[in-house]
N, C-alpha and C. Protein backbone atom coordinates (compact mmCIF):
# COMPACT_ATOMS: atom_id res chain seq x y z
N MET A 1 -1.62 -24.47 -7.46
CA MET A 1 -2.14 -23.97 -6.18
C MET A 1 -2.80 -24.34 -5.49
N SER A 2 -3.53 -24.49 -4.02
CA SER A 2 -4.33 -25.25 -3.52
C SER A 2 -5.26 -24.81 -3.64
N ASN A 3 -6.69 -25.43 -3.77
CA ASN A 3 -7.70 -24.88 -3.32
C ASN A 3 -8.51 -24.80 -2.15
N THR A 4 -7.95 -24.61 -0.96
CA THR A 4 -7.62 -24.40 0.36
C THR A 4 -8.27 -22.80 0.46
N PRO A 5 -9.58 -22.76 1.55
CA PRO A 5 -9.62 -20.94 1.63
C PRO A 5 -8.00 -20.71 2.21
N ILE A 6 -7.84 -19.10 2.56
CA ILE A 6 -6.37 -18.91 3.12
C ILE A 6 -7.09 -18.03 4.25
N ALA A 7 -7.02 -18.22 5.56
CA ALA A 7 -6.86 -17.29 6.39
C ALA A 7 -5.58 -16.04 6.90
N PHE A 8 -6.32 -15.01 6.80
CA PHE A 8 -4.99 -13.89 6.99
C PHE A 8 -4.68 -14.05 8.48
N ASP A 9 -3.10 -14.29 8.87
CA ASP A 9 -3.09 -14.14 9.95
C ASP A 9 -3.03 -13.20 10.70
N LYS A 10 -3.92 -13.21 11.63
CA LYS A 10 -4.20 -11.93 12.39
C LYS A 10 -2.68 -11.06 12.99
N ALA A 11 -1.68 -12.17 13.89
CA ALA A 11 -0.73 -11.24 14.00
C ALA A 11 0.01 -10.37 12.85
N ARG A 12 -0.08 -10.94 11.56
CA ARG A 12 0.33 -10.18 10.73
C ARG A 12 -0.47 -8.99 10.40
N LEU A 13 -1.36 -9.46 10.80
CA LEU A 13 -2.62 -7.73 10.08
C LEU A 13 -2.65 -6.83 10.89
N ALA A 14 -1.66 -7.24 12.25
CA ALA A 14 -1.42 -6.41 13.66
C ALA A 14 -0.18 -5.57 13.57
N GLY A 15 0.10 -6.22 12.36
CA GLY A 15 1.67 -5.33 12.18
C GLY A 15 2.89 -6.21 12.69
N GLN A 16 2.77 -7.64 13.14
CA GLN A 16 4.18 -8.75 13.67
C GLN A 16 3.95 -9.15 12.69
N GLU A 17 5.41 -9.71 12.40
CA GLU A 17 6.29 -10.63 12.00
C GLU A 17 6.40 -10.26 10.41
N LEU A 18 6.47 -9.13 10.33
CA LEU A 18 6.21 -8.28 8.99
C LEU A 18 7.82 -8.14 8.25
N GLU A 19 7.99 -8.40 7.06
CA GLU A 19 8.99 -8.50 6.14
C GLU A 19 9.57 -7.11 5.67
N ASP A 20 11.08 -6.94 5.85
CA ASP A 20 11.33 -5.45 5.25
C ASP A 20 11.33 -5.29 3.62
N MET A 21 11.08 -3.92 3.20
CA MET A 21 10.89 -3.95 1.95
C MET A 21 11.82 -2.86 1.46
N PRO A 22 12.44 -3.15 0.25
CA PRO A 22 13.25 -1.84 -0.63
C PRO A 22 12.75 -0.95 -0.41
N LEU A 23 13.46 0.11 -0.16
CA LEU A 23 12.91 1.94 -0.20
C LEU A 23 12.18 2.45 -0.90
N TRP A 24 11.41 3.46 -0.95
CA TRP A 24 10.62 3.76 -1.75
C TRP A 24 11.31 4.76 -2.96
N PRO A 25 11.82 4.66 -3.91
CA PRO A 25 12.76 5.15 -5.25
C PRO A 25 12.48 6.80 -5.13
N PRO A 26 13.70 7.68 -4.82
CA PRO A 26 13.84 9.07 -4.54
C PRO A 26 12.46 9.89 -5.37
N GLU A 27 12.45 9.44 -6.44
CA GLU A 27 10.99 10.45 -7.06
C GLU A 27 9.66 10.16 -6.50
N VAL A 28 9.58 8.79 -5.89
CA VAL A 28 8.22 9.09 -4.78
C VAL A 28 8.37 9.83 -3.58
N LEU A 29 9.74 9.22 -2.94
CA LEU A 29 9.85 9.60 -1.22
C LEU A 29 10.01 10.77 -1.05
N LYS A 30 9.17 11.93 -0.43
CA LYS A 30 9.13 13.09 -0.44
C LYS A 30 9.63 13.31 0.82
N GLU A 31 9.19 12.44 1.99
CA GLU A 31 10.01 12.77 3.42
C GLU A 31 9.30 11.77 3.99
N GLY A 32 10.28 11.17 5.34
CA GLY A 32 10.28 9.97 5.81
C GLY A 32 10.03 8.76 5.49
N VAL A 33 9.12 7.87 6.06
CA VAL A 33 8.96 6.20 5.23
C VAL A 33 10.46 5.93 5.33
N SER A 34 11.00 5.99 6.31
CA SER A 34 12.40 5.47 6.33
C SER A 34 12.55 3.57 6.46
N SER A 35 11.18 3.24 6.75
CA SER A 35 11.37 1.79 6.61
C SER A 35 9.85 1.29 6.29
N HIS A 36 9.96 0.46 5.49
CA HIS A 36 8.35 -0.41 5.67
C HIS A 36 8.50 -1.64 5.75
N ARG A 37 7.41 -2.44 5.82
CA ARG A 37 7.00 -4.05 5.82
C ARG A 37 6.00 -4.07 4.97
N SER A 38 6.14 -5.68 5.10
CA SER A 38 4.79 -6.25 4.25
C SER A 38 4.59 -7.78 4.15
N HIS A 39 3.66 -8.07 3.98
CA HIS A 39 3.23 -9.68 4.06
C HIS A 39 2.35 -10.04 3.17
N TYR A 40 2.60 -10.95 2.34
CA TYR A 40 1.75 -11.25 1.10
C TYR A 40 0.67 -12.79 1.67
N PHE A 41 -0.34 -12.35 1.87
CA PHE A 41 -1.44 -13.82 2.26
C PHE A 41 -1.31 -14.34 1.41
N PHE A 42 -1.74 -13.90 0.07
CA PHE A 42 -2.20 -14.69 -1.49
C PHE A 42 -1.67 -13.32 -2.75
N ASN A 43 -1.21 -14.61 -3.53
CA ASN A 43 -0.70 -14.12 -5.06
C ASN A 43 -1.37 -15.10 -5.99
N GLY A 44 -2.88 -14.80 -6.51
CA GLY A 44 -3.19 -15.35 -7.72
C GLY A 44 -3.57 -14.31 -8.92
N GLN A 45 -4.81 -14.73 -9.24
CA GLN A 45 -5.41 -13.46 -10.00
C GLN A 45 -5.38 -12.19 -9.54
N PHE A 46 -4.90 -12.25 -8.05
CA PHE A 46 -4.66 -10.69 -7.47
C PHE A 46 -3.70 -11.19 -6.38
N VAL A 47 -3.15 -10.05 -5.64
CA VAL A 47 -2.55 -10.00 -4.81
C VAL A 47 -3.28 -9.55 -3.50
N SER A 48 -2.65 -9.93 -2.63
CA SER A 48 -3.19 -9.53 -1.13
C SER A 48 -2.30 -9.42 -0.10
N PHE A 49 -2.48 -8.46 0.21
CA PHE A 49 -1.02 -8.62 1.84
C PHE A 49 -1.32 -7.26 2.60
N VAL A 50 -0.67 -7.56 3.51
CA VAL A 50 -0.50 -6.19 4.57
C VAL A 50 0.78 -5.35 4.57
N TYR A 51 0.27 -4.07 4.13
CA TYR A 51 1.46 -3.12 4.37
C TYR A 51 1.48 -2.25 5.18
N ASP A 52 2.71 -1.85 6.36
CA ASP A 52 3.31 -1.00 7.06
C ASP A 52 4.25 0.06 6.84
N ALA A 53 4.03 0.88 7.32
CA ALA A 53 4.83 1.79 6.98
C ALA A 53 4.87 2.97 7.92
N ASP A 54 6.63 3.53 8.27
CA ASP A 54 6.35 4.45 9.26
C ASP A 54 6.12 6.01 8.59
N ASP A 55 5.91 6.82 9.56
CA ASP A 55 5.47 8.02 8.81
C ASP A 55 5.95 8.52 7.62
N GLY A 56 5.09 9.02 6.71
CA GLY A 56 5.79 9.68 5.79
C GLY A 56 5.05 9.92 4.42
N LEU A 57 5.57 11.22 3.69
CA LEU A 57 4.86 11.32 2.32
C LEU A 57 5.54 10.98 1.30
N LEU A 58 4.63 10.76 0.25
CA LEU A 58 4.99 9.82 -0.73
C LEU A 58 4.50 10.94 -2.27
N GLU A 59 4.56 10.77 -3.05
CA GLU A 59 4.10 11.67 -4.48
C GLU A 59 4.26 10.83 -5.37
N PHE A 60 3.07 10.15 -6.18
CA PHE A 60 2.86 9.22 -7.38
C PHE A 60 2.57 10.31 -8.91
N VAL A 61 3.01 9.94 -9.54
CA VAL A 61 2.92 10.23 -11.00
C VAL A 61 2.09 9.30 -11.59
N ASP A 62 1.05 9.30 -12.29
CA ASP A 62 0.72 8.15 -13.25
C ASP A 62 0.52 6.61 -12.17
N TYR A 63 -0.31 6.46 -10.96
CA TYR A 63 -0.32 5.52 -10.13
C TYR A 63 -0.23 4.24 -11.03
N PRO A 64 0.74 2.57 -10.84
CA PRO A 64 0.68 1.62 -12.00
C PRO A 64 -0.57 1.25 -12.00
N PHE A 65 -1.58 1.02 -10.74
CA PHE A 65 -2.06 0.08 -10.75
C PHE A 65 -3.89 0.55 -9.83
N ASP A 66 -4.77 -0.19 -10.14
CA ASP A 66 -5.44 -0.13 -9.32
C ASP A 66 -5.67 -0.51 -7.89
N GLU A 67 -5.75 0.24 -6.85
CA GLU A 67 -5.51 -0.49 -5.64
C GLU A 67 -6.69 -0.32 -4.51
N PHE A 68 -7.12 -1.63 -4.31
CA PHE A 68 -8.02 -1.21 -3.15
C PHE A 68 -7.63 -1.40 -1.51
N VAL A 69 -7.99 -0.39 -0.94
CA VAL A 69 -7.27 -0.45 1.00
C VAL A 69 -8.49 -0.98 1.82
N GLN A 70 -7.91 -1.12 2.81
CA GLN A 70 -8.48 -1.40 4.10
C GLN A 70 -7.61 -0.73 5.07
N VAL A 71 -8.02 0.60 5.91
CA VAL A 71 -6.94 0.87 6.38
C VAL A 71 -7.15 0.23 8.19
N LEU A 72 -5.70 -0.32 8.17
CA LEU A 72 -5.97 -1.38 9.31
C LEU A 72 -5.52 -1.05 10.84
N ASN A 73 -4.46 0.49 10.39
CA ASN A 73 -3.79 0.88 11.63
C ASN A 73 -3.82 2.86 11.14
N GLY A 74 -4.23 3.86 12.07
CA GLY A 74 -3.20 4.77 11.72
C GLY A 74 -4.11 5.91 10.72
N MET A 75 -4.09 6.55 9.96
CA MET A 75 -4.34 7.62 8.93
C MET A 75 -3.53 8.11 7.89
N SER A 76 -4.37 7.92 6.87
CA SER A 76 -3.82 8.38 5.38
C SER A 76 -4.49 9.20 4.75
N THR A 77 -3.91 10.40 4.13
CA THR A 77 -4.30 11.52 3.75
C THR A 77 -3.87 11.13 1.92
N LEU A 78 -4.72 11.48 1.05
CA LEU A 78 -4.76 11.53 -0.39
C LEU A 78 -4.54 12.73 -0.96
N THR A 79 -4.04 13.22 -1.74
CA THR A 79 -4.19 14.77 -2.65
C THR A 79 -3.96 14.39 -3.63
N ALA A 80 -5.20 14.32 -4.31
CA ALA A 80 -5.16 14.32 -6.03
C ALA A 80 -4.62 15.56 -6.51
N ILE A 81 -3.77 15.72 -7.69
CA ILE A 81 -3.31 17.32 -7.86
C ILE A 81 -4.70 18.21 -8.47
N GLY A 82 -5.18 19.24 -7.49
CA GLY A 82 -6.05 20.11 -8.13
C GLY A 82 -7.53 19.84 -7.03
N GLU A 83 -7.63 18.59 -6.38
CA GLU A 83 -8.41 18.28 -5.59
C GLU A 83 -8.09 18.47 -3.89
N SER A 84 -8.98 18.36 -2.83
CA SER A 84 -9.31 18.68 -1.76
C SER A 84 -8.83 17.30 -0.93
N PRO A 85 -7.83 17.36 -0.02
CA PRO A 85 -7.33 16.20 0.73
C PRO A 85 -8.58 15.37 0.99
N GLN A 86 -8.57 14.21 0.75
CA GLN A 86 -8.75 12.69 1.28
C GLN A 86 -8.67 12.62 2.74
N VAL A 87 -9.29 11.97 3.68
CA VAL A 87 -8.41 11.21 4.96
C VAL A 87 -9.41 9.92 5.42
N PHE A 88 -8.52 9.17 5.13
CA PHE A 88 -8.92 7.94 5.55
C PHE A 88 -8.43 7.62 6.86
N LYS A 89 -9.14 6.92 7.77
CA LYS A 89 -8.53 6.76 9.16
C LYS A 89 -8.84 4.47 9.15
N THR A 90 -8.62 4.24 10.30
CA THR A 90 -8.80 2.53 10.89
C THR A 90 -10.01 3.16 10.64
N GLY A 91 -10.47 1.38 10.14
CA GLY A 91 -11.73 1.29 9.25
C GLY A 91 -12.16 1.27 8.16
N ASP A 92 -11.54 2.60 7.62
CA ASP A 92 -11.88 2.91 6.01
C ASP A 92 -11.76 2.01 4.91
N HIS A 93 -12.77 2.27 3.95
CA HIS A 93 -11.85 1.16 3.14
C HIS A 93 -11.34 2.50 1.70
N PHE A 94 -11.04 2.35 0.59
CA PHE A 94 -10.67 3.15 -0.44
C PHE A 94 -10.18 2.04 -1.12
N VAL A 95 -10.42 3.04 -2.54
CA VAL A 95 -9.10 2.42 -3.80
C VAL A 95 -8.47 3.75 -4.45
N VAL A 96 -7.96 3.58 -4.60
CA VAL A 96 -6.85 4.40 -5.48
C VAL A 96 -6.89 3.98 -7.03
N PRO A 97 -7.01 4.84 -7.78
CA PRO A 97 -7.27 3.99 -8.99
C PRO A 97 -5.94 4.15 -9.88
N LYS A 98 -5.92 3.79 -11.02
CA LYS A 98 -4.57 3.49 -11.94
C LYS A 98 -4.60 4.96 -12.41
N GLY A 99 -3.46 5.75 -12.41
CA GLY A 99 -3.39 6.75 -13.12
C GLY A 99 -3.06 7.98 -11.88
N PHE A 100 -3.49 7.54 -10.98
CA PHE A 100 -3.60 8.70 -9.58
C PHE A 100 -2.23 9.40 -9.48
N THR A 101 -2.52 10.93 -9.67
CA THR A 101 -1.35 11.68 -9.43
C THR A 101 -1.44 12.49 -8.40
N GLY A 102 -0.86 12.68 -7.67
CA GLY A 102 -0.98 13.44 -6.31
C GLY A 102 -0.04 12.38 -5.08
N THR A 103 -0.59 12.98 -3.53
CA THR A 103 0.53 12.92 -2.49
C THR A 103 -0.29 11.57 -1.65
N TRP A 104 0.65 10.70 -0.69
CA TRP A 104 -0.43 10.06 -0.13
C TRP A 104 0.42 10.35 1.37
N ASP A 105 0.05 10.41 2.30
CA ASP A 105 0.66 10.94 3.44
C ASP A 105 -0.04 9.76 4.25
N MET A 106 1.12 9.23 5.19
CA MET A 106 0.86 8.09 6.03
C MET A 106 1.26 8.71 7.38
N ARG A 107 0.69 8.39 8.75
CA ARG A 107 0.73 8.81 9.93
C ARG A 107 -0.20 7.72 10.92
N ASP A 108 0.84 7.93 12.10
CA ASP A 108 0.01 7.69 13.13
C ASP A 108 0.51 5.68 13.25
N SER A 109 1.52 5.72 13.02
CA SER A 109 1.82 3.75 12.52
C SER A 109 0.55 3.13 11.43
N TYR A 110 0.49 4.05 10.52
CA TYR A 110 -0.27 3.45 9.06
C TYR A 110 0.02 2.01 8.77
N ARG A 111 -1.16 1.25 8.59
CA ARG A 111 -1.20 -0.08 8.07
C ARG A 111 -2.13 -0.75 7.23
N GLU A 112 -2.18 -1.35 6.19
CA GLU A 112 -3.15 -1.32 5.62
C GLU A 112 -3.28 -2.89 4.89
N LEU A 113 -4.39 -2.74 4.70
CA LEU A 113 -4.82 -4.50 3.85
C LEU A 113 -5.26 -4.12 2.51
N VAL A 114 -4.00 -4.67 1.47
CA VAL A 114 -4.51 -3.99 0.02
C VAL A 114 -4.55 -5.45 -0.74
N VAL A 115 -5.79 -4.95 -1.96
CA VAL A 115 -5.56 -6.08 -2.86
C VAL A 115 -5.62 -5.52 -4.50
N ILE A 116 -5.03 -5.86 -4.89
CA ILE A 116 -4.20 -5.24 -6.16
C ILE A 116 -4.57 -6.65 -7.43
N GLU A 117 -4.80 -6.46 -8.76
CA GLU A 117 -4.96 -7.35 -9.63
C GLU A 117 -3.25 -7.91 -9.83
N SER A 118 -2.79 -9.23 -9.70
CA SER A 118 -1.64 -9.49 -9.76
C SER A 118 -0.68 -9.33 -11.29
N ASN A 119 -1.07 -8.91 -12.50
CA ASN A 119 -0.65 -8.84 -13.44
C ASN A 119 0.04 -7.32 -13.64
N ALA A 120 -0.89 -6.37 -13.15
CA ALA A 120 -0.58 -4.97 -12.63
C ALA A 120 -0.04 -4.77 -11.71
N PHE A 121 0.40 -5.57 -10.67
CA PHE A 121 1.41 -5.20 -9.53
C PHE A 121 2.27 -5.42 -10.02
N ALA A 122 2.56 -6.85 -11.01
CA ALA A 122 4.04 -6.91 -11.09
C ALA A 122 4.54 -6.13 -12.00
N GLU A 123 3.84 -5.08 -13.18
CA GLU A 123 4.05 -4.10 -14.00
C GLU A 123 4.24 -3.03 -13.02
N GLY A 124 3.64 -2.52 -11.91
CA GLY A 124 3.94 -1.18 -10.92
C GLY A 124 5.40 -1.94 -10.36
N MET A 125 5.14 -3.09 -9.60
CA MET A 125 6.78 -3.11 -9.03
C MET A 125 7.84 -2.81 -9.48
N LYS A 126 7.72 -3.19 -11.19
CA LYS A 126 9.01 -2.90 -12.14
C LYS A 126 9.13 -1.55 -11.99
N LYS A 127 8.29 -0.23 -12.26
CA LYS A 127 7.90 0.65 -12.38
C LYS A 127 8.42 1.52 -10.95
N PHE A 128 8.61 0.88 -9.74
CA PHE A 128 8.75 0.92 -8.43
C PHE A 128 10.58 0.86 -8.16
N GLY A 129 10.75 -0.05 -9.62
CA GLY A 129 12.44 -0.71 -8.98
C GLY A 129 12.37 -2.00 -8.59
N TRP A 130 11.35 -2.33 -7.90
CA TRP A 130 11.15 -3.49 -6.76
C TRP A 130 11.36 -5.55 -7.53
N ALA A 131 11.11 -5.21 -8.85
CA ALA A 131 11.16 -6.38 -9.61
C ALA A 131 12.41 -7.05 -10.44
């Protein structure tokens, strides 16, 4: 791996030239998200990528990793079981902790920049059937 700093491509951050992803597993997908896309900028001790999704509602049980998120576009509402909804909009930052159980509602051309520790990410991808 090179020691050269990596600039994040602005076109990809804007949702252009992203690669299609496999669909969410049926136990996660509750509504919508007929397609979603991503582009990986870096994969070292952590993974950093842009994620872009059609509107939809996901339901997670025991989320498999800690995830840092910067909302690049749209709106995301996360509701942990037994808790009030938390709404995040363009420009907001948040962390979804490992073990989160609840819903993740993505609206208005939702797009985010994500950072996750690499080993945890690899294990999480197995949980979703993407590895």
